[in-house]
Amino acid sequence: MSPGETRKNGQDYMAACDRVLHHVVDLVHARGIAVSLDVDPGRSPFEVVTDTHQIQLTYGRSRRTVTVDHEAFMDEEFFRTLVLHQLEAAMEELASGA
C-alpha cells in the first residue's frame, strides 16, 4: 500500500468513525439513554483494518459490542441499511438491563 493509499484509507476510516459517532448521538437523543462509544477498542490508530470493526456501547457497567464487516462500516448506505438497526437493538438491550 502506498503512502497516498494509507492516507486516503485513514481519512476514509476517520470519516466512517465520525459517521458512527453521529448516528449514535442521534440514537442517544431519540432514546434518552446516555451511552459511551468506542470504535475498534484496543486497536492501534495506525493499524490497517480490512476485515471487521467493533463498535462498543457502554451504559453504566453494561456493555454491548456490535461487530461490523469492513465494507458495511466504510460505506454510508451499507451502514444505514445493515448496521444501524443493530446499534438500535444494542441500545435497547442496554436500556432494559438485559
PDB file of N, CA and C in Angstrom:
ATOM      1  N   MET A   1       0.851  -1.168   0.000  1.00  0.00           N
ATOM      2  CA  MET A   1       0.000   0.000   0.000  1.00  0.00           C
ATOM      3  C   MET A   1       0.899   1.235   0.000  1.00  0.00           C
ATOM      4  N   SER A   2       0.639   2.141  -0.872  1.00  0.00           N
ATOM      5  CA  SER A   2       1.458   3.346  -0.981  1.00  0.00           C
ATOM      6  C   SER A   2       1.082   4.333   0.127  1.00  0.00           C
ATOM      7  N   PRO A   3       1.971   5.296   0.418  1.00  0.00           N
ATOM      8  CA  PRO A   3       1.643   6.303   1.444  1.00  0.00           C
ATOM      9  C   PRO A   3       0.355   7.064   1.137  1.00  0.00           C
ATOM     10  N   GLY A   4       0.104   7.347  -0.150  1.00  0.00           N
ATOM     11  CA  GLY A   4      -1.133   8.031  -0.535  1.00  0.00           C
ATOM     12  C   GLY A   4      -2.359   7.194  -0.242  1.00  0.00           C
ATOM     13  N   GLU A   5      -2.262   5.887  -0.504  1.00  0.00           N
ATOM     14  CA  GLU A   5      -3.383   4.991  -0.213  1.00  0.00           C
ATOM     15  C   GLU A   5      -3.624   4.901   1.290  1.00  0.00           C
ATOM     16  N   THR A   6      -2.522   4.820   2.048  1.00  0.00           N
ATOM     17  CA  THR A   6      -2.656   4.749   3.502  1.00  0.00           C
ATOM     18  C   THR A   6      -3.349   6.000   4.030  1.00  0.00           C
ATOM     19  N   ARG A   7      -2.954   7.164   3.530  1.00  0.00           N
ATOM     20  CA  ARG A   7      -3.553   8.420   3.980  1.00  0.00           C
ATOM     21  C   ARG A   7      -5.038   8.449   3.623  1.00  0.00           C
ATOM     22  N   LYS A   8      -5.390   8.070   2.387  1.00  0.00           N
ATOM     23  CA  LYS A   8      -6.791   8.074   1.971  1.00  0.00           C
ATOM     24  C   LYS A   8      -7.597   7.094   2.807  1.00  0.00           C
ATOM     25  N   ASN A   9      -7.047   5.887   3.017  1.00  0.00           N
ATOM     26  CA  ASN A   9      -7.749   4.903   3.836  1.00  0.00           C
ATOM     27  C   ASN A   9      -7.947   5.426   5.251  1.00  0.00           C
ATOM     28  N   GLY A  10      -6.922   6.119   5.781  1.00  0.00           N
ATOM     29  CA  GLY A  10      -7.045   6.695   7.114  1.00  0.00           C
ATOM     30  C   GLY A  10      -8.110   7.771   7.164  1.00  0.00           C
ATOM     31  N   GLN A  11      -8.168   8.606   6.139  1.00  0.00           N
ATOM     32  CA  GLN A  11      -9.192   9.648   6.078  1.00  0.00           C
ATOM     33  C   GLN A  11     -10.580   9.035   5.939  1.00  0.00           C
ATOM     34  N   ASP A  12     -10.693   8.001   5.113  1.00  0.00           N
ATOM     35  CA  ASP A  12     -11.979   7.319   4.955  1.00  0.00           C
ATOM     36  C   ASP A  12     -12.410   6.660   6.258  1.00  0.00           C
ATOM     37  N   TYR A  13     -11.458   6.060   6.968  1.00  0.00           N
ATOM     38  CA  TYR A  13     -11.751   5.424   8.249  1.00  0.00           C
ATOM     39  C   TYR A  13     -12.214   6.463   9.265  1.00  0.00           C
ATOM     40  N   MET A  14     -11.521   7.593   9.322  1.00  0.00           N
ATOM     41  CA  MET A  14     -11.920   8.642  10.260  1.00  0.00           C
ATOM     42  C   MET A  14     -13.307   9.175   9.915  1.00  0.00           C
ATOM     43  N   ALA A  15     -13.606   9.295   8.627  1.00  0.00           N
ATOM     44  CA  ALA A  15     -14.945   9.735   8.209  1.00  0.00           C
ATOM     45  C   ALA A  15     -15.988   8.716   8.640  1.00  0.00           C
ATOM     46  N   ALA A  16     -15.668   7.430   8.518  1.00  0.00           N
ATOM     47  CA  ALA A  16     -16.607   6.379   8.934  1.00  0.00           C
ATOM     48  C   ALA A  16     -16.812   6.425  10.450  1.00  0.00           C
ATOM     49  N   CYS A  17     -15.746   6.623  11.214  1.00  0.00           N
ATOM     50  CA  CYS A  17     -15.865   6.722  12.672  1.00  0.00           C
ATOM     51  C   CYS A  17     -16.726   7.923  13.056  1.00  0.00           C
ATOM     52  N   ASP A  18     -16.529   9.025  12.372  1.00  0.00           N
ATOM     53  CA  ASP A  18     -17.328  10.225  12.618  1.00  0.00           C
ATOM     54  C   ASP A  18     -18.801   9.956  12.320  1.00  0.00           C
ATOM     55  N   ARG A  19     -19.066   9.230  11.249  1.00  0.00           N
ATOM     56  CA  ARG A  19     -20.442   8.882  10.883  1.00  0.00           C
ATOM     57  C   ARG A  19     -21.075   8.007  11.976  1.00  0.00           C
ATOM     58  N   VAL A  20     -20.311   7.030  12.477  1.00  0.00           N
ATOM     59  CA  VAL A  20     -20.811   6.178  13.566  1.00  0.00           C
ATOM     60  C   VAL A  20     -21.155   7.040  14.772  1.00  0.00           C
ATOM     61  N   LEU A  21     -20.261   7.948  15.142  1.00  0.00           N
ATOM     62  CA  LEU A  21     -20.498   8.835  16.280  1.00  0.00           C
ATOM     63  C   LEU A  21     -21.790   9.624  16.096  1.00  0.00           C
ATOM     64  N   HIS A  22     -21.991  10.198  14.916  1.00  0.00           N
ATOM     65  CA  HIS A  22     -23.204  10.981  14.681  1.00  0.00           C
ATOM     66  C   HIS A  22     -24.463  10.119  14.767  1.00  0.00           C
ATOM     67  N   HIS A  23     -24.409   8.907  14.238  1.00  0.00           N
ATOM     68  CA  HIS A  23     -25.571   8.013  14.332  1.00  0.00           C
ATOM     69  C   HIS A  23     -25.865   7.662  15.790  1.00  0.00           C
ATOM     70  N   VAL A  24     -24.819   7.377  16.556  1.00  0.00           N
ATOM     71  CA  VAL A  24     -25.019   7.023  17.966  1.00  0.00           C
ATOM     72  C   VAL A  24     -25.563   8.224  18.737  1.00  0.00           C
ATOM     73  N   VAL A  25     -25.045   9.402  18.472  1.00  0.00           N
ATOM     74  CA  VAL A  25     -25.568  10.613  19.140  1.00  0.00           C
ATOM     75  C   VAL A  25     -27.047  10.796  18.809  1.00  0.00           C
ATOM     76  N   ASP A  26     -27.428  10.596  17.560  1.00  0.00           N
ATOM     77  CA  ASP A  26     -28.848  10.692  17.183  1.00  0.00           C
ATOM     78  C   ASP A  26     -29.682   9.673  17.941  1.00  0.00           C
ATOM     79  N   LEU A  27     -29.173   8.448  18.074  1.00  0.00           N
ATOM     80  CA  LEU A  27     -29.899   7.414  18.818  1.00  0.00           C
ATOM     81  C   LEU A  27     -29.997   7.768  20.297  1.00  0.00           C
ATOM     82  N   VAL A  28     -28.934   8.322  20.843  1.00  0.00           N
ATOM     83  CA  VAL A  28     -28.937   8.735  22.250  1.00  0.00           C
ATOM     84  C   VAL A  28     -30.030   9.773  22.483  1.00  0.00           C
ATOM     85  N   HIS A  29     -30.114  10.750  21.587  1.00  0.00           N
ATOM     86  CA  HIS A  29     -31.156  11.774  21.725  1.00  0.00           C
ATOM     87  C   HIS A  29     -32.545  11.178  21.568  1.00  0.00           C
ATOM     88  N   ALA A  30     -32.719  10.267  20.644  1.00  0.00           N
ATOM     89  CA  ALA A  30     -34.027   9.657  20.402  1.00  0.00           C
ATOM     90  C   ALA A  30     -34.446   8.735  21.544  1.00  0.00           C
ATOM     91  N   ARG A  31     -33.481   8.009  22.117  1.00  0.00           N
ATOM     92  CA  ARG A  31     -33.791   7.017  23.158  1.00  0.00           C
ATOM     93  C   ARG A  31     -33.687   7.578  24.571  1.00  0.00           C
ATOM     94  N   GLY A  32     -32.958   8.659  24.729  1.00  0.00           N
ATOM     95  CA  GLY A  32     -32.787   9.222  26.064  1.00  0.00           C
ATOM     96  C   GLY A  32     -31.894   8.391  26.953  1.00  0.00           C
ATOM     97  N   ILE A  33     -30.989   7.620  26.379  1.00  0.00           N
ATOM     98  CA  ILE A  33     -30.060   6.816  27.158  1.00  0.00           C
ATOM     99  C   ILE A  33     -28.644   7.274  26.811  1.00  0.00           C
ATOM    100  N   ALA A  34     -27.890   7.641  27.825  1.00  0.00           N
ATOM    101  CA  ALA A  34     -26.536   8.143  27.613  1.00  0.00           C
ATOM    102  C   ALA A  34     -25.559   6.980  27.603  1.00  0.00           C
ATOM    103  N   VAL A  35     -25.050   6.662  26.448  1.00  0.00           N
ATOM    104  CA  VAL A  35     -24.070   5.590  26.318  1.00  0.00           C
ATOM    105  C   VAL A  35     -22.733   6.176  25.893  1.00  0.00           C
ATOM    106  N   SER A  36     -21.688   5.453  26.213  1.00  0.00           N
ATOM    107  CA  SER A  36     -20.380   5.841  25.689  1.00  0.00           C
ATOM    108  C   SER A  36     -20.073   4.936  24.506  1.00  0.00           C
ATOM    109  N   LEU A  37     -19.245   5.443  23.621  1.00  0.00           N
ATOM    110  CA  LEU A  37     -18.947   4.767  22.362  1.00  0.00           C
ATOM    111  C   LEU A  37     -17.450   4.583  22.230  1.00  0.00           C
ATOM    112  N   ASP A  38     -17.057   3.395  21.793  1.00  0.00           N
ATOM    113  CA  ASP A  38     -15.660   3.126  21.482  1.00  0.00           C
ATOM    114  C   ASP A  38     -15.644   2.322  20.188  1.00  0.00           C
ATOM    115  N   VAL A  39     -14.926   2.821  19.193  1.00  0.00           N
ATOM    116  CA  VAL A  39     -14.822   2.125  17.909  1.00  0.00           C
ATOM    117  C   VAL A  39     -13.463   1.443  17.850  1.00  0.00           C
ATOM    118  N   ASP A  40     -13.490   0.154  17.554  1.00  0.00           N
ATOM    119  CA  ASP A  40     -12.272  -0.659  17.453  1.00  0.00           C
ATOM    120  C   ASP A  40     -11.395  -0.531  18.693  1.00  0.00           C
ATOM    121  N   PRO A  41     -11.958  -0.822  19.884  1.00  0.00           N
ATOM    122  CA  PRO A  41     -11.162  -0.704  21.109  1.00  0.00           C
ATOM    123  C   PRO A  41      -9.943  -1.629  21.067  1.00  0.00           C
ATOM    124  N   GLY A  42      -8.832  -1.110  21.539  1.00  0.00           N
ATOM    125  CA  GLY A  42      -7.617  -1.905  21.614  1.00  0.00           C
ATOM    126  C   GLY A  42      -6.791  -1.938  20.344  1.00  0.00           C
ATOM    127  N   ARG A  43      -7.290  -1.361  19.276  1.00  0.00           N
ATOM    128  CA  ARG A  43      -6.513  -1.335  18.026  1.00  0.00           C
ATOM    129  C   ARG A  43      -5.672  -0.073  17.971  1.00  0.00           C
ATOM    130  N   SER A  44      -4.494  -0.234  17.412  1.00  0.00           N
ATOM    131  CA  SER A  44      -3.609   0.914  17.216  1.00  0.00           C
ATOM    132  C   SER A  44      -4.219   1.839  16.171  1.00  0.00           C
ATOM    133  N   PRO A  45      -4.096   3.148  16.338  1.00  0.00           N
ATOM    134  CA  PRO A  45      -4.655   4.078  15.356  1.00  0.00           C
ATOM    135  C   PRO A  45      -4.052   3.904  13.964  1.00  0.00           C
ATOM    136  N   PHE A  46      -2.859   3.315  13.889  1.00  0.00           N
ATOM    137  CA  PHE A  46      -2.197   3.151  12.600  1.00  0.00           C
ATOM    138  C   PHE A  46      -2.381   1.762  12.007  1.00  0.00           C
ATOM    139  N   GLU A  47      -3.086   0.895  12.724  1.00  0.00           N
ATOM    140  CA  GLU A  47      -3.320  -0.461  12.238  1.00  0.00           C
ATOM    141  C   GLU A  47      -4.316  -0.422  11.082  1.00  0.00           C
ATOM    142  N   VAL A  48      -3.956  -1.056   9.987  1.00  0.00           N
ATOM    143  CA  VAL A  48      -4.848  -1.111   8.835  1.00  0.00           C
ATOM    144  C   VAL A  48      -5.891  -2.194   9.108  1.00  0.00           C
ATOM    145  N   VAL A  49      -7.144  -1.816   9.048  1.00  0.00           N
ATOM    146  CA  VAL A  49      -8.244  -2.731   9.328  1.00  0.00           C
ATOM    147  C   VAL A  49      -8.959  -3.033   8.019  1.00  0.00           C
ATOM    148  N   THR A  50      -9.039  -4.304   7.682  1.00  0.00           N
ATOM    149  CA  THR A  50      -9.696  -4.671   6.425  1.00  0.00           C
ATOM    150  C   THR A  50     -10.723  -5.772   6.596  1.00  0.00           C
ATOM    151  N   ASP A  51     -10.888  -6.284   7.802  1.00  0.00           N
ATOM    152  CA  ASP A  51     -11.816  -7.390   7.989  1.00  0.00           C
ATOM    153  C   ASP A  51     -13.092  -6.967   8.709  1.00  0.00           C
ATOM    154  N   THR A  52     -13.007  -6.761  10.001  1.00  0.00           N
ATOM    155  CA  THR A  52     -14.190  -6.357  10.766  1.00  0.00           C
ATOM    156  C   THR A  52     -13.835  -5.225  11.727  1.00  0.00           C
ATOM    157  N   HIS A  53     -14.869  -4.548  12.172  1.00  0.00           N
ATOM    158  CA  HIS A  53     -14.726  -3.465  13.141  1.00  0.00           C
ATOM    159  C   HIS A  53     -15.624  -3.776  14.326  1.00  0.00           C
ATOM    160  N   GLN A  54     -15.236  -3.265  15.480  1.00  0.00           N
ATOM    161  CA  GLN A  54     -16.015  -3.424  16.697  1.00  0.00           C
ATOM    162  C   GLN A  54     -16.555  -2.061  17.108  1.00  0.00           C
ATOM    163  N   ILE A  55     -17.863  -1.991  17.315  1.00  0.00           N
ATOM    164  CA  ILE A  55     -18.483  -0.783  17.851  1.00  0.00           C
ATOM    165  C   ILE A  55     -18.992  -1.159  19.230  1.00  0.00           C
ATOM    166  N   GLN A  56     -18.392  -0.566  20.245  1.00  0.00           N
ATOM    167  CA  GLN A  56     -18.717  -0.921  21.622  1.00  0.00           C
ATOM    168  C   GLN A  56     -19.526   0.196  22.270  1.00  0.00           C
ATOM    169  N   LEU A  57     -20.681  -0.168  22.798  1.00  0.00           N
ATOM    170  CA  LEU A  57     -21.551   0.763  23.513  1.00  0.00           C
ATOM    171  C   LEU A  57     -21.556   0.376  24.982  1.00  0.00           C
ATOM    172  N   THR A  58     -21.404   1.366  25.856  1.00  0.00           N
ATOM    173  CA  THR A  58     -21.372   1.098  27.287  1.00  0.00           C
ATOM    174  C   THR A  58     -22.385   2.001  27.986  1.00  0.00           C
ATOM    175  N   TYR A  59     -23.140   1.387  28.890  1.00  0.00           N
ATOM    176  CA  TYR A  59     -24.112   2.114  29.700  1.00  0.00           C
ATOM    177  C   TYR A  59     -23.932   1.627  31.126  1.00  0.00           C
ATOM    178  N   GLY A  60     -23.396   2.479  31.988  1.00  0.00           N
ATOM    179  CA  GLY A  60     -23.084   2.040  33.345  1.00  0.00           C
ATOM    180  C   GLY A  60     -22.023   0.953  33.281  1.00  0.00           C
ATOM    181  N   ARG A  61     -22.345  -0.209  33.836  1.00  0.00           N
ATOM    182  CA  ARG A  61     -21.404  -1.332  33.798  1.00  0.00           C
ATOM    183  C   ARG A  61     -21.730  -2.333  32.696  1.00  0.00           C
ATOM    184  N   SER A  62     -22.777  -2.061  31.957  1.00  0.00           N
ATOM    185  CA  SER A  62     -23.182  -2.968  30.881  1.00  0.00           C
ATOM    186  C   SER A  62     -22.546  -2.537  29.568  1.00  0.00           C
ATOM    187  N   ARG A  63     -22.205  -3.521  28.761  1.00  0.00           N
ATOM    188  CA  ARG A  63     -21.527  -3.237  27.502  1.00  0.00           C
ATOM    189  C   ARG A  63     -22.075  -4.164  26.420  1.00  0.00           C
ATOM    190  N   ARG A  64     -22.261  -3.606  25.245  1.00  0.00           N
ATOM    191  CA  ARG A  64     -22.656  -4.378  24.065  1.00  0.00           C
ATOM    192  C   ARG A  64     -21.680  -4.044  22.951  1.00  0.00           C
ATOM    193  N   THR A  65     -21.268  -5.068  22.226  1.00  0.00           N
ATOM    194  CA  THR A  65     -20.359  -4.873  21.104  1.00  0.00           C
ATOM    195  C   THR A  65     -21.038  -5.356  19.832  1.00  0.00           C
ATOM    196  N   VAL A  66     -21.037  -4.500  18.835  1.00  0.00           N
ATOM    197  CA  VAL A  66     -21.580  -4.837  17.519  1.00  0.00           C
ATOM    198  C   VAL A  66     -20.387  -4.999  16.584  1.00  0.00           C
ATOM    199  N   THR A  67     -20.267  -6.188  15.995  1.00  0.00           N
ATOM    200  CA  THR A  67     -19.200  -6.464  15.040  1.00  0.00           C
ATOM    201  C   THR A  67     -19.713  -6.148  13.650  1.00  0.00           C
ATOM    202  N   VAL A  68     -18.918  -5.372  12.910  1.00  0.00           N
ATOM    203  CA  VAL A  68     -19.358  -4.871  11.610  1.00  0.00           C
ATOM    204  C   VAL A  68     -18.327  -5.234  10.546  1.00  0.00           C
ATOM    205  N   ASP A  69     -18.807  -5.766   9.448  1.00  0.00           N
ATOM    206  CA  ASP A  69     -17.974  -6.037   8.284  1.00  0.00           C
ATOM    207  C   ASP A  69     -17.333  -4.735   7.800  1.00  0.00           C
ATOM    208  N   HIS A  70     -16.100  -4.809   7.324  1.00  0.00           N
ATOM    209  CA  HIS A  70     -15.362  -3.612   6.900  1.00  0.00           C
ATOM    210  C   HIS A  70     -16.129  -2.814   5.848  1.00  0.00           C
ATOM    211  N   GLU A  71     -16.654  -3.486   4.850  1.00  0.00           N
ATOM    212  CA  GLU A  71     -17.362  -2.774   3.781  1.00  0.00           C
ATOM    213  C   GLU A  71     -18.595  -2.057   4.310  1.00  0.00           C
ATOM    214  N   ALA A  72     -19.342  -2.729   5.201  1.00  0.00           N
ATOM    215  CA  ALA A  72     -20.530  -2.094   5.780  1.00  0.00           C
ATOM    216  C   ALA A  72     -20.147  -0.923   6.678  1.00  0.00           C
ATOM    217  N   PHE A  73     -19.011  -1.028   7.350  1.00  0.00           N
ATOM    218  CA  PHE A  73     -18.544   0.053   8.211  1.00  0.00           C
ATOM    219  C   PHE A  73     -18.151   1.276   7.401  1.00  0.00           C
ATOM    220  N   MET A  74     -17.480   1.045   6.284  1.00  0.00           N
ATOM    221  CA  MET A  74     -16.924   2.143   5.497  1.00  0.00           C
ATOM    222  C   MET A  74     -17.935   2.822   4.578  1.00  0.00           C
ATOM    223  N   ASP A  75     -18.964   2.121   4.147  1.00  0.00           N
ATOM    224  CA  ASP A  75     -19.929   2.663   3.189  1.00  0.00           C
ATOM    225  C   ASP A  75     -21.167   3.181   3.917  1.00  0.00           C
ATOM    226  N   GLU A  76     -21.486   4.440   3.712  1.00  0.00           N
ATOM    227  CA  GLU A  76     -22.590   5.080   4.430  1.00  0.00           C
ATOM    228  C   GLU A  76     -23.929   4.369   4.220  1.00  0.00           C
ATOM    229  N   GLU A  77     -24.234   4.023   2.991  1.00  0.00           N
ATOM    230  CA  GLU A  77     -25.519   3.368   2.690  1.00  0.00           C
ATOM    231  C   GLU A  77     -25.580   1.975   3.304  1.00  0.00           C
ATOM    232  N   PHE A  78     -24.499   1.197   3.161  1.00  0.00           N
ATOM    233  CA  PHE A  78     -24.456  -0.131   3.774  1.00  0.00           C
ATOM    234  C   PHE A  78     -24.609  -0.009   5.286  1.00  0.00           C
ATOM    235  N   PHE A  79     -23.941   0.995   5.870  1.00  0.00           N
ATOM    236  CA  PHE A  79     -24.013   1.175   7.317  1.00  0.00           C
ATOM    237  C   PHE A  79     -25.449   1.422   7.756  1.00  0.00           C
ATOM    238  N   ARG A  80     -26.116   2.355   7.077  1.00  0.00           N
ATOM    239  CA  ARG A  80     -27.515   2.654   7.443  1.00  0.00           C
ATOM    240  C   ARG A  80     -28.409   1.430   7.265  1.00  0.00           C
ATOM    241  N   THR A  81     -28.175   0.681   6.200  1.00  0.00           N
ATOM    242  CA  THR A  81     -29.032  -0.465   5.891  1.00  0.00           C
ATOM    243  C   THR A  81     -28.736  -1.675   6.764  1.00  0.00           C
ATOM    244  N   LEU A  82     -27.458  -1.961   6.994  1.00  0.00           N
ATOM    245  CA  LEU A  82     -27.076  -3.216   7.639  1.00  0.00           C
ATOM    246  C   LEU A  82     -26.695  -3.110   9.111  1.00  0.00           C
ATOM    247  N   VAL A  83     -26.306  -1.930   9.565  1.00  0.00           N
ATOM    248  CA  VAL A  83     -25.733  -1.828  10.907  1.00  0.00           C
ATOM    249  C   VAL A  83     -26.576  -0.993  11.874  1.00  0.00           C
ATOM    250  N   LEU A  84     -27.182   0.043  11.390  1.00  0.00           N
ATOM    251  CA  LEU A  84     -27.875   0.974  12.273  1.00  0.00           C
ATOM    252  C   LEU A  84     -28.907   0.277  13.156  1.00  0.00           C
ATOM    253  N   HIS A  85     -29.668  -0.648  12.599  1.00  0.00           N
ATOM    254  CA  HIS A  85     -30.668  -1.352  13.411  1.00  0.00           C
ATOM    255  C   HIS A  85     -30.007  -2.207  14.492  1.00  0.00           C
ATOM    256  N   GLN A  86     -28.798  -2.689  14.245  1.00  0.00           N
ATOM    257  CA  GLN A  86     -28.075  -3.459  15.262  1.00  0.00           C
ATOM    258  C   GLN A  86     -27.659  -2.559  16.425  1.00  0.00           C
ATOM    259  N   LEU A  87     -27.255  -1.345  16.103  1.00  0.00           N
ATOM    260  CA  LEU A  87     -26.918  -0.391  17.166  1.00  0.00           C
ATOM    261  C   LEU A  87     -28.156  -0.025  17.979  1.00  0.00           C
ATOM    262  N   GLU A  88     -29.280   0.160  17.295  1.00  0.00           N
ATOM    263  CA  GLU A  88     -30.534   0.452  18.000  1.00  0.00           C
ATOM    264  C   GLU A  88     -30.890  -0.685  18.940  1.00  0.00           C
ATOM    265  N   ALA A  89     -30.768  -1.914  18.475  1.00  0.00           N
ATOM    266  CA  ALA A  89     -31.083  -3.088  19.306  1.00  0.00           C
ATOM    267  C   ALA A  89     -30.143  -3.173  20.509  1.00  0.00           C
ATOM    268  N   ALA A  90     -28.861  -2.911  20.291  1.00  0.00           N
ATOM    269  CA  ALA A  90     -27.901  -2.936  21.388  1.00  0.00           C
ATOM    270  C   ALA A  90     -28.228  -1.878  22.434  1.00  0.00           C
ATOM    271  N   MET A  91     -28.638  -0.698  21.968  1.00  0.00           N
ATOM    272  CA  MET A  91     -29.016   0.359  22.909  1.00  0.00           C
ATOM    273  C   MET A  91     -30.274  -0.018  23.688  1.00  0.00           C
ATOM    274  N   GLU A  92     -31.222  -0.651  23.018  1.00  0.00           N
ATOM    275  CA  GLU A  92     -32.439  -1.096  23.690  1.00  0.00           C
ATOM    276  C   GLU A  92     -32.099  -2.123  24.764  1.00  0.00           C
ATOM    277  N   GLU A  93     -31.188  -3.052  24.460  1.00  0.00           N
ATOM    278  CA  GLU A  93     -30.759  -4.033  25.444  1.00  0.00           C
ATOM    279  C   GLU A  93     -30.104  -3.366  26.642  1.00  0.00           C
ATOM    280  N   LEU A  94     -29.252  -2.385  26.365  1.00  0.00           N
ATOM    281  CA  LEU A  94     -28.590  -1.666  27.458  1.00  0.00           C
ATOM    282  C   LEU A  94     -29.616  -0.934  28.315  1.00  0.00           C
ATOM    283  N   ALA A  95     -30.581  -0.289  27.679  1.00  0.00           N
ATOM    284  CA  ALA A  95     -31.592   0.485  28.416  1.00  0.00           C
ATOM    285  C   ALA A  95     -32.465  -0.424  29.281  1.00  0.00           C
ATOM    286  N   SER A  96     -32.745  -1.626  28.777  1.00  0.00           N
ATOM    287  CA  SER A  96     -33.613  -2.530  29.517  1.00  0.00           C
ATOM    288  C   SER A  96     -32.861  -3.343  30.557  1.00  0.00           C
ATOM    289  N   GLY A  97     -31.531  -3.250  30.533  1.00  0.00           N
ATOM    290  CA  GLY A  97     -30.726  -4.004  31.502  1.00  0.00           C
ATOM    291  C   GLY A  97     -30.611  -5.466  31.145  1.00  0.00           C
ATOM    292  N   ALA A  98     -30.973  -5.837  29.917  1.00  0.00           N
ATOM    293  CA  ALA A  98     -30.904  -7.253  29.504  1.00  0.00           C
ATOM    294  C   ALA A  98     -29.484  -7.697  29.285  1.00  0.00           C
TER     295      ALA A  98
END
